[in-house]
C-alpha atoms as a PDB file:
ATOM      1  CA  MET A   1      28.912 -47.934  12.657  1.00  0.00           C
ATOM      2  CA  ALA A   2      28.923 -44.163  12.759  1.00  0.00           C
ATOM      3  CA  ASP A   3      29.606 -43.607   9.526  1.00  0.00           C
ATOM      4  CA  ILE A   4      27.015 -46.551   8.427  1.00  0.00           C
ATOM      5  CA  LEU A   5      24.809 -44.847  11.047  1.00  0.00           C
ATOM      6  CA  LEU A   6      25.265 -41.163  10.222  1.00  0.00           C
ATOM      7  CA  SER A   7      24.184 -42.302   6.755  1.00  0.00           C
ATOM      8  CA  LYS A   8      21.225 -44.118   7.254  1.00  0.00           C
ATOM      9  CA  ILE A   9      20.052 -41.294   9.082  1.00  0.00           C
ATOM     10  CA  SER A  10      21.170 -38.744   5.871  1.00  0.00           C
ATOM     11  CA  ASP A  11      18.650 -41.256   4.031  1.00  0.00           C
ATOM     12  CA  ALA A  12      15.871 -41.025   6.068  1.00  0.00           C
ATOM     13  CA  LEU A  13      16.183 -37.495   5.845  1.00  0.00           C
ATOM     14  CA  ALA A  14      16.212 -37.342   3.022  1.00  0.00           C
ATOM     15  CA  SER A  15      13.167 -39.819   1.388  1.00  0.00           C
ATOM     16  CA  ALA A  16      10.769 -39.095   3.860  1.00  0.00           C
ATOM     17  CA  ASP A  17       7.900 -37.251   3.441  1.00  0.00           C
ATOM     18  CA  SER A  18       6.102 -37.254   6.074  1.00  0.00           C
ATOM     19  CA  VAL A  19       6.544 -38.174  10.095  1.00  0.00           C
ATOM     20  CA  GLU A  20       5.027 -41.561   9.512  1.00  0.00           C
ATOM     21  CA  ALA A  21       8.180 -41.961   6.902  1.00  0.00           C
ATOM     22  CA  LEU A  22      10.435 -40.540   9.118  1.00  0.00           C
ATOM     23  CA  THR A  23       9.562 -42.204  12.135  1.00  0.00           C
ATOM     24  CA  ARG A  24       9.747 -45.671  11.081  1.00  0.00           C
ATOM     25  CA  PRO A  25      13.228 -46.321   9.813  1.00  0.00           C
ATOM     26  CA  LEU A  26      14.443 -44.145  12.660  1.00  0.00           C
ATOM     27  CA  LEU A  27      13.086 -46.426  14.898  1.00  0.00           C
ATOM     28  CA  THR A  28      15.055 -49.220  13.162  1.00  0.00           C
ATOM     29  CA  LEU A  29      18.095 -47.307  13.672  1.00  0.00           C
ATOM     30  CA  LEU A  30      16.623 -47.463  17.791  1.00  0.00           C
ATOM     31  CA  GLU A  31      16.671 -51.519  17.950  1.00  0.00           C
ATOM     32  CA  LEU A  32      20.112 -51.148  15.935  1.00  0.00           C
ATOM     33  CA  VAL A  33      21.748 -48.956  18.815  1.00  0.00           C
ATOM     34  CA  THR A  34      20.300 -50.214  21.670  1.00  0.00           C
ATOM     35  CA  GLY A  35      19.874 -54.040  20.965  1.00  0.00           C
ATOM     36  CA  PHE A  36      16.128 -53.257  22.633  1.00  0.00           C
ATOM     37  CA  GLU A  37      13.602 -55.363  21.136  1.00  0.00           C
ATOM     38  CA  SER A  38      10.567 -53.511  21.061  1.00  0.00           C
ATOM     39  CA  SER A  39      11.299 -49.471  20.137  1.00  0.00           C
ATOM     40  CA  TYR A  40       8.098 -46.933  19.540  1.00  0.00           C
ATOM     41  CA  LEU A  41       6.732 -43.564  19.385  1.00  0.00           C
ATOM     42  CA  THR A  42       3.424 -42.628  21.461  1.00  0.00           C
ATOM     43  CA  ARG A  43       1.488 -39.331  21.314  1.00  0.00           C
ATOM     44  CA  ILE A  44       0.213 -37.773  24.245  1.00  0.00           C
ATOM     45  CA  ASP A  45      -3.585 -36.413  25.043  1.00  0.00           C
ATOM     46  CA  GLN A  46      -3.671 -35.219  27.769  1.00  0.00           C
ATOM     47  CA  ALA A  47      -7.359 -33.495  27.430  1.00  0.00           C
ATOM     48  CA  GLU A  48      -7.981 -36.669  27.422  1.00  0.00           C
ATOM     49  CA  GLY A  49      -5.858 -38.755  29.962  1.00  0.00           C
ATOM     50  CA  VAL A  50      -4.550 -40.980  26.720  1.00  0.00           C
ATOM     51  CA  GLN A  51      -1.757 -42.413  25.115  1.00  0.00           C
ATOM     52  CA  ARG A  52      -1.296 -43.472  22.248  1.00  0.00           C
ATOM     53  CA  ILE A  53       1.035 -45.355  20.308  1.00  0.00           C
ATOM     54  CA  LEU A  54       1.467 -44.132  17.632  1.00  0.00           C
ATOM     55  CA  TYR A  55       4.350 -46.040  15.281  1.00  0.00           C
ATOM     56  CA  ALA A  56       6.264 -49.408  17.068  1.00  0.00           C
ATOM     57  CA  ARG A  57       8.858 -51.980  15.688  1.00  0.00           C
ATOM     58  CA  ASN A  58       9.167 -54.533  16.722  1.00  0.00           C
ATOM     59  CA  SER A  59      11.237 -57.305  15.991  1.00  0.00           C
ATOM     60  CA  LYS A  60      11.468 -60.269  19.154  1.00  0.00           C
ATOM     61  CA  ALA A  61       8.823 -61.790  21.720  1.00  0.00           C
ATOM     62  CA  MET A  62       8.106 -58.318  23.164  1.00  0.00           C
ATOM     63  CA  GLN A  63       4.725 -57.232  21.237  1.00  0.00           C
ATOM     64  CA  ILE A  64       4.025 -53.317  22.200  1.00  0.00           C
ATOM     65  CA  PRO A  65       0.663 -52.787  19.488  1.00  0.00           C
ATOM     66  CA  GLU A  66       0.263 -49.566  17.710  1.00  0.00           C
ATOM     67  CA  GLY A  67      -2.970 -48.095  18.063  1.00  0.00           C
ATOM     68  CA  LEU A  68      -2.852 -49.474  21.276  1.00  0.00           C
ATOM     69  CA  ALA A  69      -4.049 -46.262  23.700  1.00  0.00           C
ATOM     70  CA  VAL A  70      -3.514 -46.601  27.660  1.00  0.00           C
ATOM     71  CA  PRO A  71      -4.691 -44.216  30.568  1.00  0.00           C
ATOM     72  CA  TRP A  72      -1.631 -41.469  30.792  1.00  0.00           C
ATOM     73  CA  GLY A  73      -1.546 -41.824  34.268  1.00  0.00           C
ATOM     74  CA  ASP A  74      -0.652 -45.113  34.528  1.00  0.00           C
ATOM     75  CA  THR A  75       2.048 -45.112  31.952  1.00  0.00           C
ATOM     76  CA  LEU A  76       6.006 -45.507  32.280  1.00  0.00           C
ATOM     77  CA  CYS A  77       6.375 -42.516  30.172  1.00  0.00           C
ATOM     78  CA  LYS A  78       4.468 -40.473  32.462  1.00  0.00           C
ATOM     79  CA  ARG A  79       6.437 -41.656  35.556  1.00  0.00           C
ATOM     80  CA  ALA A  80       9.711 -41.628  33.721  1.00  0.00           C
ATOM     81  CA  LEU A  81       9.098 -37.843  32.937  1.00  0.00           C
ATOM     82  CA  ASP A  82       7.639 -36.598  36.548  1.00  0.00           C
ATOM     83  CA  GLU A  83      11.128 -38.719  38.248  1.00  0.00           C
ATOM     84  CA  GLY A  84      12.959 -37.291  35.596  1.00  0.00           C
ATOM     85  CA  ARG A  85      14.034 -40.802  35.277  1.00  0.00           C
ATOM     86  CA  PHE A  86      14.594 -41.603  31.167  1.00  0.00           C
ATOM     87  CA  PHE A  87      16.198 -44.549  31.470  1.00  0.00           C
ATOM     88  CA  THR A  88      16.134 -47.862  33.855  1.00  0.00           C
ATOM     89  CA  ASP A  89      17.526 -51.595  33.720  1.00  0.00           C
ATOM     90  CA  ASP A  90      14.485 -52.629  36.835  1.00  0.00           C
ATOM     91  CA  VAL A  91      11.740 -51.663  35.858  1.00  0.00           C
ATOM     92  CA  PRO A  92      10.452 -54.131  37.940  1.00  0.00           C
ATOM     93  CA  ASP A  93      11.603 -52.477  40.749  1.00  0.00           C
ATOM     94  CA  CYS A  94      10.943 -49.020  40.517  1.00  0.00           C
ATOM     95  CA  TRP A  95       7.505 -49.157  39.032  1.00  0.00           C
ATOM     96  CA  GLY A  96       6.787 -52.204  40.126  1.00  0.00           C
ATOM     97  CA  ASP A  97       2.600 -51.031  40.365  1.00  0.00           C
ATOM     98  CA  SER A  98       2.477 -50.286  36.476  1.00  0.00           C
ATOM     99  CA  ASP A  99      -0.193 -52.055  35.395  1.00  0.00           C
ATOM    100  CA  ALA A 100       0.977 -51.379  31.651  1.00  0.00           C
ATOM    101  CA  ALA A 101       4.563 -52.426  32.278  1.00  0.00           C
ATOM    102  CA  GLN A 102       3.102 -55.539  33.805  1.00  0.00           C
ATOM    103  CA  ALA A 103       0.793 -57.021  30.644  1.00  0.00           C
ATOM    104  CA  LEU A 104       4.019 -56.144  28.314  1.00  0.00           C
ATOM    105  CA  GLY A 105       6.254 -57.662  30.895  1.00  0.00           C
ATOM    106  CA  ILE A 106       8.956 -54.620  30.222  1.00  0.00           C
ATOM    107  CA  HIS A 107      12.407 -54.965  32.306  1.00  0.00           C
ATOM    108  CA  THR A 108      14.228 -52.435  30.312  1.00  0.00           C
ATOM    109  CA  TYR A 109      12.950 -49.046  28.912  1.00  0.00           C
ATOM    110  CA  ILE A 110      14.138 -45.405  28.221  1.00  0.00           C
ATOM    111  CA  SER A 111      11.763 -42.855  27.373  1.00  0.00           C
ATOM    112  CA  MET A 112      12.471 -39.283  25.812  1.00  0.00           C
ATOM    113  CA  PRO A 113       9.488 -37.201  25.583  1.00  0.00           C
ATOM    114  CA  VAL A 114       9.174 -34.924  22.361  1.00  0.00           C
ATOM    115  CA  TYR A 115       8.628 -31.529  22.439  1.00  0.00           C
ATOM    116  CA  LEU A 116       7.776 -29.818  19.228  1.00  0.00           C
ATOM    117  CA  PRO A 117       9.348 -26.151  18.824  1.00  0.00           C
ATOM    118  CA  GLU A 118       6.736 -24.246  20.452  1.00  0.00           C
ATOM    119  CA  GLY A 119       6.855 -26.291  24.022  1.00  0.00           C
ATOM    120  CA  ALA A 120       4.184 -28.542  23.801  1.00  0.00           C
ATOM    121  CA  LEU A 121       5.094 -32.260  24.781  1.00  0.00           C
ATOM    122  CA  PHE A 122       3.927 -34.487  21.286  1.00  0.00           C
ATOM    123  CA  GLY A 123       4.831 -37.933  23.087  1.00  0.00           C
ATOM    124  CA  THR A 124       7.557 -39.952  23.613  1.00  0.00           C
ATOM    125  CA  LEU A 125      10.228 -41.995  22.137  1.00  0.00           C
ATOM    126  CA  CYS A 126      10.745 -45.375  23.694  1.00  0.00           C
ATOM    127  CA  ALA A 127      12.226 -47.952  23.607  1.00  0.00           C
ATOM    128  CA  ALA A 128      11.614 -51.601  25.953  1.00  0.00           C
ATOM    129  CA  SER A 129      13.421 -54.942  26.201  1.00  0.00           C
ATOM    130  CA  ALA A 130      12.215 -57.843  28.060  1.00  0.00           C
ATOM    131  CA  ASP A 131      15.468 -58.256  29.385  1.00  0.00           C
ATOM    132  CA  LYS A 132      18.139 -55.735  31.731  1.00  0.00           C
ATOM    133  CA  ARG A 133      19.991 -54.561  28.864  1.00  0.00           C
ATOM    134  CA  PRO A 134      22.534 -51.311  29.439  1.00  0.00           C
ATOM    135  CA  ILE A 135      21.895 -47.668  27.301  1.00  0.00           C
ATOM    136  CA  SER A 136      25.121 -46.596  26.142  1.00  0.00           C
ATOM    137  CA  ASP A 137      25.782 -42.509  26.230  1.00  0.00           C
ATOM    138  CA  THR A 138      25.927 -43.012  22.843  1.00  0.00           C
ATOM    139  CA  GLY A 139      22.431 -44.079  22.750  1.00  0.00           C
ATOM    140  CA  GLN A 140      20.916 -41.699  24.246  1.00  0.00           C
ATOM    141  CA  GLN A 141      22.366 -38.554  22.701  1.00  0.00           C
ATOM    142  CA  ILE A 142      20.744 -40.887  19.188  1.00  0.00           C
ATOM    143  CA  LEU A 143      17.603 -41.305  20.826  1.00  0.00           C
ATOM    144  CA  GLY A 144      17.814 -37.701  22.209  1.00  0.00           C
ATOM    145  CA  LEU A 145      19.176 -36.685  18.285  1.00  0.00           C
ATOM    146  CA  PHE A 146      15.812 -38.353  16.899  1.00  0.00           C
ATOM    147  CA  THR A 147      13.418 -37.207  18.961  1.00  0.00           C
ATOM    148  CA  THR A 148      14.614 -33.815  17.988  1.00  0.00           C
ATOM    149  CA  LEU A 149      14.390 -35.006  13.979  1.00  0.00           C
ATOM    150  CA  ILE A 150      10.734 -36.155  14.934  1.00  0.00           C
ATOM    151  CA  ALA A 151       9.619 -32.794  16.716  1.00  0.00           C
ATOM    152  CA  GLN A 152      10.724 -30.853  13.579  1.00  0.00           C
ATOM    153  CA  ALA A 153       9.028 -33.255  10.772  1.00  0.00           C
ATOM    154  CA  ILE A 154       5.738 -33.507  13.174  1.00  0.00           C
ATOM    155  CA  GLU A 155       6.570 -29.739  12.849  1.00  0.00           C
ATOM    156  CA  ARG A 156       7.268 -29.064   9.370  1.00  0.00           C
ATOM    157  CA  GLU A 157       3.393 -31.483   8.968  1.00  0.00           C
ATOM    158  CA  ASN A 158       1.558 -29.256  11.041  1.00  0.00           C
ATOM    159  CA  LEU A 159       2.612 -26.864   8.567  1.00  0.00           C
ATOM    160  CA  LEU A 160       1.765 -28.045   5.593  1.00  0.00           C
ATOM    161  CA  ALA A 161      -2.157 -29.024   6.539  1.00  0.00           C
ATOM    162  CA  GLN A 162      -2.027 -25.713   7.663  1.00  0.00           C
ATOM    163  CA  LEU A 163      -1.270 -24.750   4.376  1.00  0.00           C
ATOM    164  CA  ARG A 164      -3.208 -27.216   3.000  1.00  0.00           C
ATOM    165  CA  LYS A 165      -6.316 -25.703   4.624  1.00  0.00           C
ATOM    166  CA  THR A 166      -5.816 -22.337   4.305  1.00  0.00           C
ATOM    167  CA  ASN A 167      -5.622 -22.798   0.192  1.00  0.00           C
ATOM    168  CA  GLU A 168      -8.773 -24.852   0.212  1.00  0.00           C
ATOM    169  CA  GLU A 169     -10.395 -22.145   2.362  1.00  0.00           C
ATOM    170  CA  LEU A 170      -9.295 -19.253  -0.175  1.00  0.00           C
ATOM    171  CA  ALA A 171     -10.197 -21.390  -2.984  1.00  0.00           C
ATOM    172  CA  LEU A 172     -13.597 -21.515  -1.690  1.00  0.00           C
ATOM    173  CA  HIS A 173     -13.563 -18.318  -0.885  1.00  0.00           C
ATOM    174  CA  SER A 174     -12.479 -16.960  -4.558  1.00  0.00           C
ATOM    175  CA  SER A 175     -14.963 -19.492  -5.449  1.00  0.00           C
ATOM    176  CA  ARG A 176     -18.430 -18.857  -3.486  1.00  0.00           C
ATOM    177  CA  ASP A 177     -21.096 -16.084  -3.285  1.00  0.00           C
ATOM    178  CA  ALA A 178     -19.625 -13.435   0.281  1.00  0.00           C
ATOM    179  CA  LEU A 179     -23.806 -13.103   1.205  1.00  0.00           C
ATOM    180  CA  THR A 180     -25.382 -16.334  -0.769  1.00  0.00           C
ATOM    181  CA  GLY A 181     -22.715 -18.420  -0.183  1.00  0.00           C
ATOM    182  CA  LEU A 182     -23.241 -19.929  -3.407  1.00  0.00           C
ATOM    183  CA  PRO A 183     -21.198 -21.076  -5.608  1.00  0.00           C
ATOM    184  CA  ASN A 184     -20.043 -17.474  -7.572  1.00  0.00           C
ATOM    185  CA  ARG A 185     -19.943 -16.527 -11.520  1.00  0.00           C
ATOM    186  CA  ARG A 186     -16.354 -18.072 -11.194  1.00  0.00           C
ATOM    187  CA  ALA A 187     -17.503 -21.412 -10.124  1.00  0.00           C
ATOM    188  CA  LEU A 188     -20.363 -21.425 -12.833  1.00  0.00           C
ATOM    189  CA  VAL A 189     -18.606 -22.098 -15.594  1.00  0.00           C
ATOM    190  CA  ALA A 190     -16.228 -24.247 -14.096  1.00  0.00           C
ATOM    191  CA  ASP A 191     -19.276 -26.001 -13.305  1.00  0.00           C
ATOM    192  CA  MET A 192     -20.532 -25.815 -16.962  1.00  0.00           C
ATOM    193  CA  THR A 193     -17.239 -26.458 -18.337  1.00  0.00           C
ATOM    194  CA  ARG A 194     -17.624 -30.204 -16.573  1.00  0.00           C
ATOM    195  CA  MET A 195     -21.024 -30.844 -16.632  1.00  0.00           C
ATOM    196  CA  PHE A 196     -20.863 -29.621 -20.612  1.00  0.00           C
ATOM    197  CA  ALA A 197     -17.817 -32.991 -20.838  1.00  0.00           C
ATOM    198  CA  ILE A 198     -21.031 -35.441 -18.668  1.00  0.00           C
ATOM    199  CA  ALA A 199     -23.340 -34.622 -20.873  1.00  0.00           C
ATOM    200  CA  GLN A 200     -21.546 -34.417 -24.591  1.00  0.00           C
ATOM    201  CA  ARG A 201     -20.288 -38.163 -22.864  1.00  0.00           C
ATOM    202  CA  SER A 202     -23.735 -39.109 -22.324  1.00  0.00           C
ATOM    203  CA  GLY A 203     -25.387 -38.009 -25.291  1.00  0.00           C
ATOM    204  CA  LYS A 204     -28.228 -35.833 -22.894  1.00  0.00           C
ATOM    205  CA  GLN A 205     -28.153 -31.764 -23.558  1.00  0.00           C
ATOM    206  CA  VAL A 206     -27.418 -29.193 -20.918  1.00  0.00           C
ATOM    207  CA  GLN A 207     -30.508 -27.154 -19.615  1.00  0.00           C
ATOM    208  CA  VAL A 208     -29.204 -23.297 -18.352  1.00  0.00           C
ATOM    209  CA  LEU A 209     -31.442 -20.848 -16.917  1.00  0.00           C
ATOM    210  CA  PHE A 210     -31.102 -17.449 -16.114  1.00  0.00           C
ATOM    211  CA  ILE A 211     -33.074 -15.132 -13.833  1.00  0.00           C
ATOM    212  CA  ASP A 212     -33.467 -11.591 -13.148  1.00  0.00           C
ATOM    213  CA  LEU A 213     -35.218 -10.741  -9.590  1.00  0.00           C
ATOM    214  CA  ASP A 214     -37.547  -8.267 -11.439  1.00  0.00           C
ATOM    215  CA  GLY A 215     -38.014  -5.286  -8.930  1.00  0.00           C
ATOM    216  CA  PHE A 216     -35.622  -6.358  -6.942  1.00  0.00           C
ATOM    217  CA  LYS A 217     -34.873  -2.280  -6.689  1.00  0.00           C
ATOM    218  CA  GLN A 218     -38.371  -1.582  -5.133  1.00  0.00           C
ATOM    219  CA  ILE A 219     -37.027  -3.883  -2.556  1.00  0.00           C
ATOM    220  CA  ASN A 220     -33.814  -2.352  -1.873  1.00  0.00           C
ATOM    221  CA  ASP A 221     -35.606   1.303  -2.088  1.00  0.00           C
ATOM    222  CA  THR A 222     -38.746   0.359  -0.265  1.00  0.00           C
ATOM    223  CA  HIS A 223     -37.666  -1.721   2.636  1.00  0.00           C
ATOM    224  CA  GLY A 224     -33.603  -0.663   2.513  1.00  0.00           C
ATOM    225  CA  HIS A 225     -30.678  -2.534   1.393  1.00  0.00           C
ATOM    226  CA  ASP A 226     -30.835  -4.694   4.579  1.00  0.00           C
ATOM    227  CA  ALA A 227     -34.203  -6.521   3.616  1.00  0.00           C
ATOM    228  CA  GLY A 228     -32.373  -6.672  -0.588  1.00  0.00           C
ATOM    229  CA  ASP A 229     -30.152  -8.681   1.403  1.00  0.00           C
ATOM    230  CA  GLU A 230     -31.805 -10.684   2.954  1.00  0.00           C
ATOM    231  CA  PHE A 231     -34.130 -11.478   0.032  1.00  0.00           C
ATOM    232  CA  LEU A 232     -31.747 -12.339  -2.480  1.00  0.00           C
ATOM    233  CA  ILE A 233     -30.286 -14.908   0.916  1.00  0.00           C
ATOM    234  CA  GLN A 234     -34.574 -16.552   0.921  1.00  0.00           C
ATOM    235  CA  VAL A 235     -34.053 -16.463  -3.171  1.00  0.00           C
ATOM    236  CA  GLY A 236     -31.104 -18.671  -3.110  1.00  0.00           C
ATOM    237  CA  ARG A 237     -31.733 -21.292  -0.597  1.00  0.00           C
ATOM    238  CA  ARG A 238     -35.397 -21.648  -1.972  1.00  0.00           C
ATOM    239  CA  ILE A 239     -34.086 -21.882  -5.438  1.00  0.00           C
ATOM    240  CA  SER A 240     -31.473 -24.909  -4.014  1.00  0.00           C
ATOM    241  CA  VAL A 241     -32.924 -27.254  -1.763  1.00  0.00           C
ATOM    242  CA  GLY A 242     -35.988 -27.246  -4.633  1.00  0.00           C
ATOM    243  CA  LEU A 243     -33.400 -27.938  -7.936  1.00  0.00           C
ATOM    244  CA  ARG A 244     -32.806 -32.224  -8.774  1.00  0.00           C
ATOM    245  CA  ALA A 245     -30.089 -33.932  -7.437  1.00  0.00           C
ATOM    246  CA  GLY A 246     -26.993 -32.893 -10.288  1.00  0.00           C
ATOM    247  CA  ASP A 247     -28.555 -29.050 -10.854  1.00  0.00           C
ATOM    248  CA  GLU A 248     -26.130 -26.832  -9.694  1.00  0.00           C
ATOM    249  CA  VAL A 249     -27.521 -23.069  -8.690  1.00  0.00           C
ATOM    250  CA  SER A 250     -24.839 -20.228  -8.860  1.00  0.00           C
ATOM    251  CA  ARG A 251     -25.978 -16.364  -7.742  1.00  0.00           C
ATOM    252  CA  PHE A 252     -24.528 -15.011 -11.559  1.00  0.00           C
ATOM    253  CA  GLY A 253     -23.953 -11.424  -9.812  1.00  0.00           C
ATOM    254  CA  GLY A 254     -26.861  -8.600  -8.518  1.00  0.00           C
ATOM    255  CA  ASP A 255     -29.859  -9.707  -8.933  1.00  0.00           C
ATOM    256  CA  GLU A 256     -29.648 -12.489 -11.469  1.00  0.00           C
ATOM    257  CA  PHE A 257     -29.873 -16.301 -10.845  1.00  0.00           C
ATOM    258  CA  VAL A 258     -27.899 -19.289 -13.188  1.00  0.00           C
ATOM    259  CA  VAL A 259     -29.364 -22.854 -12.992  1.00  0.00           C
ATOM    260  CA  VAL A 260     -27.779 -25.476 -14.564  1.00  0.00           C
ATOM    261  CA  GLY A 261     -28.585 -29.428 -14.722  1.00  0.00           C
ATOM    262  CA  ILE A 262     -28.707 -32.096 -17.540  1.00  0.00           C
ATOM    263  CA  SER A 263     -31.866 -33.274 -18.458  1.00  0.00           C
ATOM    264  CA  THR A 264     -32.862 -36.640 -18.384  1.00  0.00           C
ATOM    265  CA  GLU A 265     -34.929 -38.601 -21.279  1.00  0.00           C
ATOM    266  CA  ALA A 266     -37.776 -39.008 -18.532  1.00  0.00           C
ATOM    267  CA  ALA A 267     -39.247 -36.527 -21.474  1.00  0.00           C
ATOM    268  CA  PRO A 268     -39.523 -34.409 -24.479  1.00  0.00           C
ATOM    269  CA  PRO A 269     -35.943 -31.237 -24.188  1.00  0.00           C
ATOM    270  CA  ALA A 270     -38.797 -28.893 -24.379  1.00  0.00           C
ATOM    271  CA  LEU A 271     -41.677 -30.467 -22.326  1.00  0.00           C
ATOM    272  CA  ALA A 272     -38.755 -31.219 -19.647  1.00  0.00           C
ATOM    273  CA  LEU A 273     -37.297 -27.212 -19.695  1.00  0.00           C
ATOM    274  CA  GLU A 274     -40.872 -25.931 -19.243  1.00  0.00           C
ATOM    275  CA  ALA A 275     -40.737 -28.318 -15.847  1.00  0.00           C
ATOM    276  CA  MET A 276     -37.320 -27.201 -14.626  1.00  0.00           C
ATOM    277  CA  ARG A 277     -38.386 -23.450 -15.155  1.00  0.00           C
ATOM    278  CA  ASP A 278     -42.147 -23.528 -13.987  1.00  0.00           C
ATOM    279  CA  ARG A 279     -40.748 -25.465 -10.242  1.00  0.00           C
ATOM    280  CA  VAL A 280     -37.211 -23.191  -9.934  1.00  0.00           C
ATOM    281  CA  ALA A 281     -39.963 -20.164 -11.071  1.00  0.00           C
ATOM    282  CA  ALA A 282     -42.929 -20.904  -8.397  1.00  0.00           C
ATOM    283  CA  LEU A 283     -39.853 -21.126  -5.323  1.00  0.00           C
ATOM    284  CA  ILE A 284     -39.804 -17.600  -6.270  1.00  0.00           C
ATOM    285  CA  ARG A 285     -42.666 -16.069  -6.048  1.00  0.00           C
ATOM    286  CA  GLY A 286     -44.525 -15.926  -2.709  1.00  0.00           C
ATOM    287  CA  GLU A 287     -44.838 -14.395   0.615  1.00  0.00           C
ATOM    288  CA  PHE A 288     -41.205 -13.425   1.446  1.00  0.00           C
ATOM    289  CA  ASN A 289     -41.194 -12.850   5.806  1.00  0.00           C
ATOM    290  CA  LEU A 290     -37.765 -11.066   6.657  1.00  0.00           C
ATOM    291  CA  SER A 291     -36.145  -9.945   9.890  1.00  0.00           C
ATOM    292  CA  ARG A 292     -37.681  -6.471   9.462  1.00  0.00           C
ATOM    293  CA  CYS A 293     -40.472  -6.778   6.823  1.00  0.00           C
ATOM    294  CA  SER A 294     -42.883  -8.798   4.684  1.00  0.00           C
ATOM    295  CA  PHE A 295     -44.188  -8.609   1.216  1.00  0.00           C
ATOM    296  CA  HIS A 296     -45.448 -10.725  -1.491  1.00  0.00           C
ATOM    297  CA  TYR A 297     -42.702 -10.968  -4.859  1.00  0.00           C
ATOM    298  CA  PRO A 298     -45.156 -12.059  -7.584  1.00  0.00           C
ATOM    299  CA  GLY A 299     -41.657 -13.440  -9.502  1.00  0.00           C
ATOM    300  CA  ALA A 300     -38.849 -13.120 -11.594  1.00  0.00           C
ATOM    301  CA  SER A 301     -38.760 -13.600 -15.264  1.00  0.00           C
ATOM    302  CA  ILE A 302     -36.537 -16.879 -16.545  1.00  0.00           C
ATOM    303  CA  GLY A 303     -35.069 -17.307 -19.621  1.00  0.00           C
ATOM    304  CA  ALA A 304     -34.565 -21.002 -19.958  1.00  0.00           C
ATOM    305  CA  ILE A 305     -32.577 -23.006 -22.524  1.00  0.00           C
ATOM    306  CA  THR A 306     -31.496 -26.514 -24.033  1.00  0.00           C
ATOM    307  CA  VAL A 307     -28.259 -26.489 -25.866  1.00  0.00           C
ATOM    308  CA  ASP A 308     -26.711 -29.546 -27.352  1.00  0.00           C
ATOM    309  CA  PRO A 309     -22.788 -29.973 -25.604  1.00  0.00           C
ATOM    310  CA  THR A 310     -21.126 -30.997 -29.089  1.00  0.00           C
ATOM    311  CA  SER A 311     -22.380 -27.058 -30.737  1.00  0.00           C
ATOM    312  CA  SER A 312     -21.879 -24.778 -27.825  1.00  0.00           C
ATOM    313  CA  SER A 313     -19.944 -23.709 -24.930  1.00  0.00           C
ATOM    314  CA  PRO A 314     -20.801 -22.201 -21.734  1.00  0.00           C
ATOM    315  CA  ASP A 315     -20.405 -18.747 -22.449  1.00  0.00           C
ATOM    316  CA  GLU A 316     -22.834 -19.449 -25.619  1.00  0.00           C
ATOM    317  CA  ALA A 317     -24.844 -20.955 -23.549  1.00  0.00           C
ATOM    318  CA  LEU A 318     -25.082 -18.627 -20.936  1.00  0.00           C
ATOM    319  CA  ARG A 319     -25.243 -15.239 -23.268  1.00  0.00           C
ATOM    320  CA  GLN A 320     -28.122 -17.408 -25.370  1.00  0.00           C
ATOM    321  CA  ALA A 321     -30.483 -17.802 -21.970  1.00  0.00           C
ATOM    322  CA  ASP A 322     -29.692 -13.644 -20.689  1.00  0.00           C
ATOM    323  CA  ALA A 323     -31.054 -13.640 -24.622  1.00  0.00           C
ATOM    324  CA  ALA A 324     -34.119 -15.385 -23.517  1.00  0.00           C
ATOM    325  CA  MET A 325     -34.319 -14.088 -20.133  1.00  0.00           C
ATOM    326  CA  TYR A 326     -34.694 -10.249 -21.407  1.00  0.00           C
ATOM    327  CA  ALA A 327     -37.108 -11.160 -24.133  1.00  0.00           C
ATOM    328  CA  ILE A 328     -38.941 -12.673 -21.174  1.00  0.00           C
ATOM    329  CA  LYS A 329     -38.357  -9.209 -19.463  1.00  0.00           C
ATOM    330  CA  LYS A 330     -40.213  -6.962 -22.081  1.00  0.00           C
ATOM    331  CA  GLN A 331     -42.809  -9.340 -22.602  1.00  0.00           C
ATOM    332  CA  ARG A 332     -43.993  -9.230 -18.974  1.00  0.00           C
ATOM    333  CA  ARG A 333     -42.697  -4.906 -18.721  1.00  0.00           C
ATOM    334  CA  ALA A 334     -45.800  -4.760 -21.775  1.00  0.00           C
ATOM    335  CA  THR A 335     -48.044  -7.078 -20.310  1.00  0.00           C
ATOM    336  CA  GLN A 336     -47.806  -4.667 -17.487  1.00  0.00           C
ATOM    337  CA  ILE A 337     -48.591  -1.741 -19.326  1.00  0.00           C
END
């Protein structure tokens, strides 16, 4: 029996990739060792004053449902913990005033707390029966072993969840511009690659706007770098809220932004591109009210192109849009002379 039990525990540990995957076979083994008809793992939220059944195994008439939430103050687990009485075969005599015990018809009960490695109380591992049943020393030892294994699995799962969250935050940070919160150049290339693939499958073209904020150095020199940073943030926000669904804006670097979108079939490509450029230009042009100053911004140089995704790449499209932007900038300078 001991060899079989150890083998089953080893199998559970080897195959489990989550707390649930470990707990369920352990509950089955707990029934096998104790003969109790219900076994279950709970989680205790002392702040909310609630105890919840996470996973349960019921083999006979007694049914302890998963997801059941009961007030922590009325549970047998709390009474057992407070009194240091982790086993009784006469629940009606010990805790006859417990509504939960009466409702479930519990006569024999064993409960052990599940403490995480840092000492926090996670919940309890319990077994119950509607009839009077003894518990052997071996049964209690097995229950204690199972609580340790579950606590270790919970800690491991928590650590993995924290690692995943940290990795997601790092990935987000590496793809976001620290000042504006917009996608950065690295994210832009990934977004354009995705858009090119979508456009190619749907037989559409891709619109690319390369934006350079004319006069940005003068804003910095006149009002200070804090004002310049705030200006960049506001520009990013204005463009973001004014784009069509599916369009993407990113900060390419410095005072340069890029907008990318997939063309629609509602208008000829040239007219659609002109409308997109005019819409973005209007978003940037106008009054800016910053924390310490206000000024009228006349507008940016915007190079706008439409490319066929079957004959161009994101890098080539960016070079063409950049060249178109410099041509516009040259024209604007010539006009101002």
